[in-house]
C-alpha atoms as a PDB file:
ATOM      1  CA  MET A   1      -0.090   0.199   0.079  1.00  0.00           C
ATOM      2  CA  ILE A   2       0.492   3.503  -0.363  1.00  0.00           C
ATOM      3  CA  ASP A   3      -0.406   6.602   1.726  1.00  0.00           C
ATOM      4  CA  GLU A   4      -1.451   9.902  -0.202  1.00  0.00           C
ATOM      5  CA  ASN A   5       1.308  11.850  -0.341  1.00  0.00           C
ATOM      6  CA  ASN A   6       3.395   9.279  -2.142  1.00  0.00           C
ATOM      7  CA  ARG A   7       0.561   8.698  -4.466  1.00  0.00           C
ATOM      8  CA  TRP A   8       0.682  12.405  -5.407  1.00  0.00           C
ATOM      9  CA  LEU A   9       3.907  12.218  -5.650  1.00  0.00           C
ATOM     10  CA  LEU A  10       4.124   9.493  -8.238  1.00  0.00           C
ATOM     11  CA  SER A  11       1.409  10.505  -9.988  1.00  0.00           C
ATOM     12  CA  PHE A  12       3.370  13.850 -10.164  1.00  0.00           C
ATOM     13  CA  TYR A  13       6.319  12.363 -11.561  1.00  0.00           C
ATOM     14  CA  ARG A  14       4.093  10.174 -13.827  1.00  0.00           C
ATOM     15  CA  THR A  15       2.556  13.303 -15.266  1.00  0.00           C
ATOM     16  CA  SER A  16       5.836  15.039 -15.353  1.00  0.00           C
ATOM     17  CA  GLU A  17       7.184  12.147 -17.966  1.00  0.00           C
ATOM     18  CA  ILE A  18       3.676  12.257 -20.091  1.00  0.00           C
ATOM     19  CA  GLY A  19       4.088  16.023 -20.187  1.00  0.00           C
ATOM     20  CA  GLY A  20       7.711  15.100 -21.432  1.00  0.00           C
ATOM     21  CA  ALA A  21       6.785  12.424 -23.708  1.00  0.00           C
ATOM     22  CA  LEU A  22       3.998  14.592 -25.480  1.00  0.00           C
ATOM     23  CA  PHE A  23       6.904  17.736 -26.171  1.00  0.00           C
ATOM     24  CA  PHE A  24       9.709  15.681 -27.622  1.00  0.00           C
ATOM     25  CA  GLY A  25       7.314  13.538 -29.289  1.00  0.00           C
ATOM     26  CA  GLN A  26       6.003  17.073 -31.639  1.00  0.00           C
ATOM     27  CA  LEU A  27      10.132  17.759 -31.720  1.00  0.00           C
ATOM     28  CA  ALA A  28      10.703  14.668 -33.070  1.00  0.00           C
ATOM     29  CA  ARG A  29       7.743  14.736 -35.799  1.00  0.00           C
ATOM     30  CA  THR A  30       8.557  18.669 -36.948  1.00  0.00           C
ATOM     31  CA  THR A  31      12.194  19.185 -36.299  1.00  0.00           C
ATOM     32  CA  ARG A  32      14.015  19.764 -39.582  1.00  0.00           C
ATOM     33  CA  ALA A  33      17.535  20.018 -37.272  1.00  0.00           C
ATOM     34  CA  ALA A  34      20.227  18.323 -38.984  1.00  0.00           C
ATOM     35  CA  GLY A  35      20.955  14.919 -36.736  1.00  0.00           C
ATOM     36  CA  MET A  36      18.843  15.331 -34.108  1.00  0.00           C
ATOM     37  CA  GLN A  37      15.728  12.875 -35.457  1.00  0.00           C
ATOM     38  CA  GLN A  38      17.088   9.834 -33.707  1.00  0.00           C
ATOM     39  CA  ALA A  39      17.713  11.242 -30.299  1.00  0.00           C
ATOM     40  CA  LEU A  40      14.857  13.283 -29.848  1.00  0.00           C
ATOM     41  CA  THR A  41      12.818  10.354 -30.596  1.00  0.00           C
ATOM     42  CA  ARG A  42      14.623   8.070 -28.415  1.00  0.00           C
ATOM     43  CA  HIS A  43      14.456  10.636 -25.165  1.00  0.00           C
ATOM     44  CA  PHE A  44      10.068  10.738 -26.671  1.00  0.00           C
ATOM     45  CA  ALA A  45      10.293   7.221 -26.253  1.00  0.00           C
ATOM     46  CA  ASP A  46      12.195   7.339 -22.847  1.00  0.00           C
ATOM     47  CA  GLU A  47       9.787   9.811 -21.437  1.00  0.00           C
ATOM     48  CA  ALA A  48       6.636   7.879 -22.337  1.00  0.00           C
ATOM     49  CA  GLN A  49       8.409   4.460 -20.925  1.00  0.00           C
ATOM     50  CA  HIS A  50       8.793   6.171 -17.844  1.00  0.00           C
ATOM     51  CA  ALA A  51       5.406   6.947 -17.282  1.00  0.00           C
ATOM     52  CA  CYS A  52       4.630   3.998 -18.217  1.00  0.00           C
ATOM     53  CA  TYR A  53       7.031   2.798 -15.353  1.00  0.00           C
ATOM     54  CA  TRP A  54       5.359   4.908 -12.634  1.00  0.00           C
ATOM     55  CA  THR A  55       2.024   3.938 -13.948  1.00  0.00           C
ATOM     56  CA  ASP A  56       3.170   0.171 -13.123  1.00  0.00           C
ATOM     57  CA  CYS A  57       4.675   1.420  -9.944  1.00  0.00           C
ATOM     58  CA  LEU A  58       1.459   2.725  -8.834  1.00  0.00           C
ATOM     59  CA  ALA A  59      -0.303  -0.645  -9.252  1.00  0.00           C
ATOM     60  CA  SER A  60       2.050  -2.450  -8.018  1.00  0.00           C
ATOM     61  CA  LEU A  61       1.413  -0.750  -4.754  1.00  0.00           C
ATOM     62  CA  GLY A  62      -2.029  -0.890  -5.337  1.00  0.00           C
ATOM     63  CA  ALA A  63      -2.840   2.372  -6.290  1.00  0.00           C
ATOM     64  CA  GLU A  64      -4.324   4.160  -9.217  1.00  0.00           C
ATOM     65  CA  PRO A  65      -2.132   7.018 -10.669  1.00  0.00           C
ATOM     66  CA  MET A  66      -4.166  10.982  -9.313  1.00  0.00           C
ATOM     67  CA  ARG A  67      -5.595  12.871 -12.276  1.00  0.00           C
ATOM     68  CA  LEU A  68      -3.129  16.434 -11.951  1.00  0.00           C
ATOM     69  CA  GLY A  69      -4.164  19.665 -13.393  1.00  0.00           C
ATOM     70  CA  GLU A  70      -0.626  21.062 -14.986  1.00  0.00           C
ATOM     71  CA  SER A  71       2.322  19.193 -15.695  1.00  0.00           C
ATOM     72  CA  TYR A  72       6.258  20.573 -14.890  1.00  0.00           C
ATOM     73  CA  GLN A  73       6.539  21.575 -17.918  1.00  0.00           C
ATOM     74  CA  ASP A  74       3.468  23.462 -18.464  1.00  0.00           C
ATOM     75  CA  ARG A  75       4.390  25.413 -15.572  1.00  0.00           C
ATOM     76  CA  TYR A  76       7.721  25.888 -16.893  1.00  0.00           C
ATOM     77  CA  LEU A  77       6.197  27.769 -20.905  1.00  0.00           C
ATOM     78  CA  LYS A  78       4.602  29.915 -18.624  1.00  0.00           C
ATOM     79  CA  ALA A  79       7.294  31.209 -16.092  1.00  0.00           C
ATOM     80  CA  ALA A  80       9.527  31.144 -19.192  1.00  0.00           C
ATOM     81  CA  GLY A  81       7.894  31.461 -22.151  1.00  0.00           C
ATOM     82  CA  LEU A  82       7.842  29.456 -25.629  1.00  0.00           C
ATOM     83  CA  PRO A  83      11.713  28.481 -26.528  1.00  0.00           C
ATOM     84  CA  ALA A  84      12.255  30.996 -29.896  1.00  0.00           C
ATOM     85  CA  ASN A  85      14.447  28.129 -31.851  1.00  0.00           C
ATOM     86  CA  PHE A  86      15.890  24.897 -31.187  1.00  0.00           C
ATOM     87  CA  MET A  87      18.689  25.908 -29.643  1.00  0.00           C
ATOM     88  CA  GLU A  88      16.287  26.969 -26.737  1.00  0.00           C
ATOM     89  CA  VAL A  89      14.226  23.979 -26.755  1.00  0.00           C
ATOM     90  CA  LEU A  90      17.666  22.130 -25.724  1.00  0.00           C
ATOM     91  CA  ALA A  91      18.329  24.760 -22.755  1.00  0.00           C
ATOM     92  CA  VAL A  92      15.050  24.263 -21.350  1.00  0.00           C
ATOM     93  CA  THR A  93      15.746  20.154 -21.777  1.00  0.00           C
ATOM     94  CA  HIS A  94      18.675  21.041 -19.805  1.00  0.00           C
ATOM     95  CA  ALA A  95      17.328  23.147 -16.822  1.00  0.00           C
ATOM     96  CA  PHE A  96      14.637  20.327 -16.793  1.00  0.00           C
ATOM     97  CA  GLU A  97      16.807  17.079 -17.192  1.00  0.00           C
ATOM     98  CA  ARG A  98      18.949  18.631 -14.265  1.00  0.00           C
ATOM     99  CA  ARG A  99      15.878  18.945 -11.979  1.00  0.00           C
ATOM    100  CA  VAL A 100      14.347  15.742 -12.559  1.00  0.00           C
ATOM    101  CA  MET A 101      17.674  14.371 -11.651  1.00  0.00           C
ATOM    102  CA  GLY A 102      18.170  15.976  -8.368  1.00  0.00           C
ATOM    103  CA  GLN A 103      14.338  15.588  -7.379  1.00  0.00           C
ATOM    104  CA  TYR A 104      14.968  11.533  -7.938  1.00  0.00           C
ATOM    105  CA  ALA A 105      18.259  11.975  -6.555  1.00  0.00           C
ATOM    106  CA  ARG A 106      16.537  13.195  -3.535  1.00  0.00           C
ATOM    107  CA  HIS A 107      14.194  10.733  -3.435  1.00  0.00           C
ATOM    108  CA  LEU A 108      16.498   7.716  -3.333  1.00  0.00           C
ATOM    109  CA  GLN A 109      18.332   9.410  -0.652  1.00  0.00           C
ATOM    110  CA  LEU A 110      15.484   8.888   1.738  1.00  0.00           C
ATOM    111  CA  GLU A 111      15.536   6.052   4.056  1.00  0.00           C
ATOM    112  CA  ASP A 112      12.857   2.885   3.703  1.00  0.00           C
ATOM    113  CA  VAL A 113      11.945   3.947   0.194  1.00  0.00           C
ATOM    114  CA  GLN A 114       9.374   1.284  -0.910  1.00  0.00           C
ATOM    115  CA  PRO A 115      11.099  -1.319  -3.254  1.00  0.00           C
ATOM    116  CA  GLU A 116       9.106  -0.936  -6.228  1.00  0.00           C
ATOM    117  CA  ILE A 117       9.550   2.852  -6.121  1.00  0.00           C
ATOM    118  CA  ARG A 118      13.490   2.716  -5.378  1.00  0.00           C
ATOM    119  CA  GLN A 119      13.875   0.174  -8.440  1.00  0.00           C
ATOM    120  CA  THR A 120      11.576   2.844 -10.707  1.00  0.00           C
ATOM    121  CA  LEU A 121      13.632   5.570  -9.665  1.00  0.00           C
ATOM    122  CA  GLU A 122      17.015   3.904 -10.466  1.00  0.00           C
ATOM    123  CA  ARG A 123      15.564   2.544 -13.769  1.00  0.00           C
ATOM    124  CA  ILE A 124      14.439   5.868 -14.678  1.00  0.00           C
ATOM    125  CA  VAL A 125      17.867   7.341 -13.598  1.00  0.00           C
ATOM    126  CA  THR A 126      19.431   5.682 -15.813  1.00  0.00           C
ATOM    127  CA  ASP A 127      17.711   7.199 -18.798  1.00  0.00           C
ATOM    128  CA  GLU A 128      17.982  10.937 -17.059  1.00  0.00           C
ATOM    129  CA  ARG A 129      21.875  10.388 -17.155  1.00  0.00           C
ATOM    130  CA  ARG A 130      21.737   9.831 -20.957  1.00  0.00           C
ATOM    131  CA  HIS A 131      19.318  12.501 -21.384  1.00  0.00           C
ATOM    132  CA  LEU A 132      21.409  15.122 -19.649  1.00  0.00           C
ATOM    133  CA  LEU A 133      24.757  14.404 -21.607  1.00  0.00           C
ATOM    134  CA  TRP A 134      23.087  13.979 -25.659  1.00  0.00           C
ATOM    135  CA  VAL A 135      21.602  17.690 -24.419  1.00  0.00           C
ATOM    136  CA  ARG A 136      24.752  18.874 -23.239  1.00  0.00           C
ATOM    137  CA  HIS A 137      26.746  17.852 -26.137  1.00  0.00           C
ATOM    138  CA  ALA A 138      24.452  19.309 -28.738  1.00  0.00           C
ATOM    139  CA  LEU A 139      24.180  22.271 -26.554  1.00  0.00           C
ATOM    140  CA  ARG A 140      28.429  22.767 -26.903  1.00  0.00           C
ATOM    141  CA  GLU A 141      28.260  21.862 -30.809  1.00  0.00           C
ATOM    142  CA  MET A 142      25.408  24.644 -31.034  1.00  0.00           C
ATOM    143  CA  GLU A 143      27.740  27.198 -29.605  1.00  0.00           C
ATOM    144  CA  ARG A 144      29.212  27.222 -32.871  1.00  0.00           C
ATOM    145  CA  ASP A 145      26.106  28.584 -34.739  1.00  0.00           C
ATOM    146  CA  TYR A 146      24.386  30.694 -31.750  1.00  0.00           C
ATOM    147  CA  GLY A 147      28.101  31.650 -29.643  1.00  0.00           C
ATOM    148  CA  ALA A 148      28.663  30.556 -26.437  1.00  0.00           C
ATOM    149  CA  ASP A 149      27.364  33.478 -25.078  1.00  0.00           C
ATOM    150  CA  THR A 150      23.773  32.982 -26.390  1.00  0.00           C
ATOM    151  CA  VAL A 151      23.756  29.366 -25.270  1.00  0.00           C
ATOM    152  CA  LYS A 152      24.804  30.622 -21.954  1.00  0.00           C
ATOM    153  CA  GLN A 153      22.352  33.361 -21.866  1.00  0.00           C
ATOM    154  CA  ALA A 154      19.515  30.361 -22.798  1.00  0.00           C
ATOM    155  CA  ARG A 155      20.500  28.008 -20.609  1.00  0.00           C
ATOM    156  CA  ASP A 156      20.434  30.560 -17.812  1.00  0.00           C
ATOM    157  CA  ARG A 157      17.146  31.691 -18.447  1.00  0.00           C
ATOM    158  CA  PHE A 158      15.530  28.838 -18.290  1.00  0.00           C
ATOM    159  CA  GLU A 159      17.426  27.713 -15.366  1.00  0.00           C
ATOM    160  CA  ALA A 160      16.054  30.953 -13.365  1.00  0.00           C
ATOM    161  CA  ALA A 161      12.613  29.821 -15.007  1.00  0.00           C
ATOM    162  CA  ASP A 162      13.147  26.190 -13.100  1.00  0.00           C
ATOM    163  CA  GLU A 163      14.009  27.335  -9.991  1.00  0.00           C
ATOM    164  CA  LEU A 164      11.108  29.909  -9.942  1.00  0.00           C
ATOM    165  CA  VAL A 165       8.891  26.780 -10.782  1.00  0.00           C
ATOM    166  CA  TYR A 166      10.210  24.591  -8.407  1.00  0.00           C
ATOM    167  CA  ARG A 167      10.082  26.914  -5.344  1.00  0.00           C
ATOM    168  CA  GLN A 168       6.261  27.533  -6.369  1.00  0.00           C
ATOM    169  CA  LEU A 169       5.587  23.755  -6.702  1.00  0.00           C
ATOM    170  CA  VAL A 170       7.243  23.447  -3.556  1.00  0.00           C
ATOM    171  CA  THR A 171       5.195  26.210  -1.769  1.00  0.00           C
ATOM    172  CA  GLU A 172       2.117  24.824  -3.191  1.00  0.00           C
ATOM    173  CA  HIS A 173       2.411  21.642  -2.089  1.00  0.00           C
ATOM    174  CA  ARG A 174       4.340  21.848   0.987  1.00  0.00           C
ATOM    175  CA  ASP A 175       2.458  19.767   3.183  1.00  0.00           C
ATOM    176  CA  ARG A 176       2.653  16.986   0.773  1.00  0.00           C
ATOM    177  CA  MET A 177       6.482  17.636  -0.092  1.00  0.00           C
ATOM    178  CA  GLU A 178       7.780  18.030   3.556  1.00  0.00           C
ATOM    179  CA  ASP A 179       5.687  15.101   5.107  1.00  0.00           C
ATOM    180  CA  LEU A 180       7.395  12.726   2.859  1.00  0.00           C
ATOM    181  CA  PHE A 181      11.005  14.164   2.800  1.00  0.00           C
ATOM    182  CA  ALA A 182      10.276  14.446   6.550  1.00  0.00           C
ATOM    183  CA  ARG A 183       9.446  10.982   6.980  1.00  0.00           C
ATOM    184  CA  GLY A 184      12.266   9.788   5.162  1.00  0.00           C
ATOM    185  CA  ARG A 185      14.981  11.789   7.010  1.00  0.00           C
ATOM    186  CA  GLU A 186      13.100  10.893  10.496  1.00  0.00           C
ATOM    187  CA  GLY A 187      13.314   6.725   9.186  1.00  0.00           C
ATOM    188  CA  GLY A 188       9.599   6.321   8.498  1.00  0.00           C
ATOM    189  CA  ALA A 189       8.060   4.538   5.454  1.00  0.00           C
ATOM    190  CA  SER A 190       7.871   6.296   2.325  1.00  0.00           C
END
């Protein structure tokens, strides 16, 4: 079984992965960026698979996913605006993937994480590391076309938006998130 705070958090992870899959699916379908089709298609497939992993994890814990409103990505676009070009798409992706890795790593550090949750987190983190590597590499390559300063400014802009969105999310759902992470530090079930 799973408590409501964990159910909400895993449902949030699932919703965010669905948002990522839809975003990358659209990019993979429409991009004309040379050499990006394979990376974008794989990223899309990974995000969709991650949503499936969270759905399966919830089911293995006897829970249905909660229907949540906005995804993390929806909030991002409101905070930072739409990316103006493909380089900015990768800059927002880099900021987002860093946040995901940090959140999943933080969750993995909790004591007494249920085995089903731990296994799902570990499985996804492997893909997230690969995502960060390919996006970081692609952004470095784009410095030739856009200039290193322009790429850095885009990364800074989206990292600032990420920080704002994350702070808003934590404030909005403080009761759920603080309870979960406090119980983890105290050695309670999570």
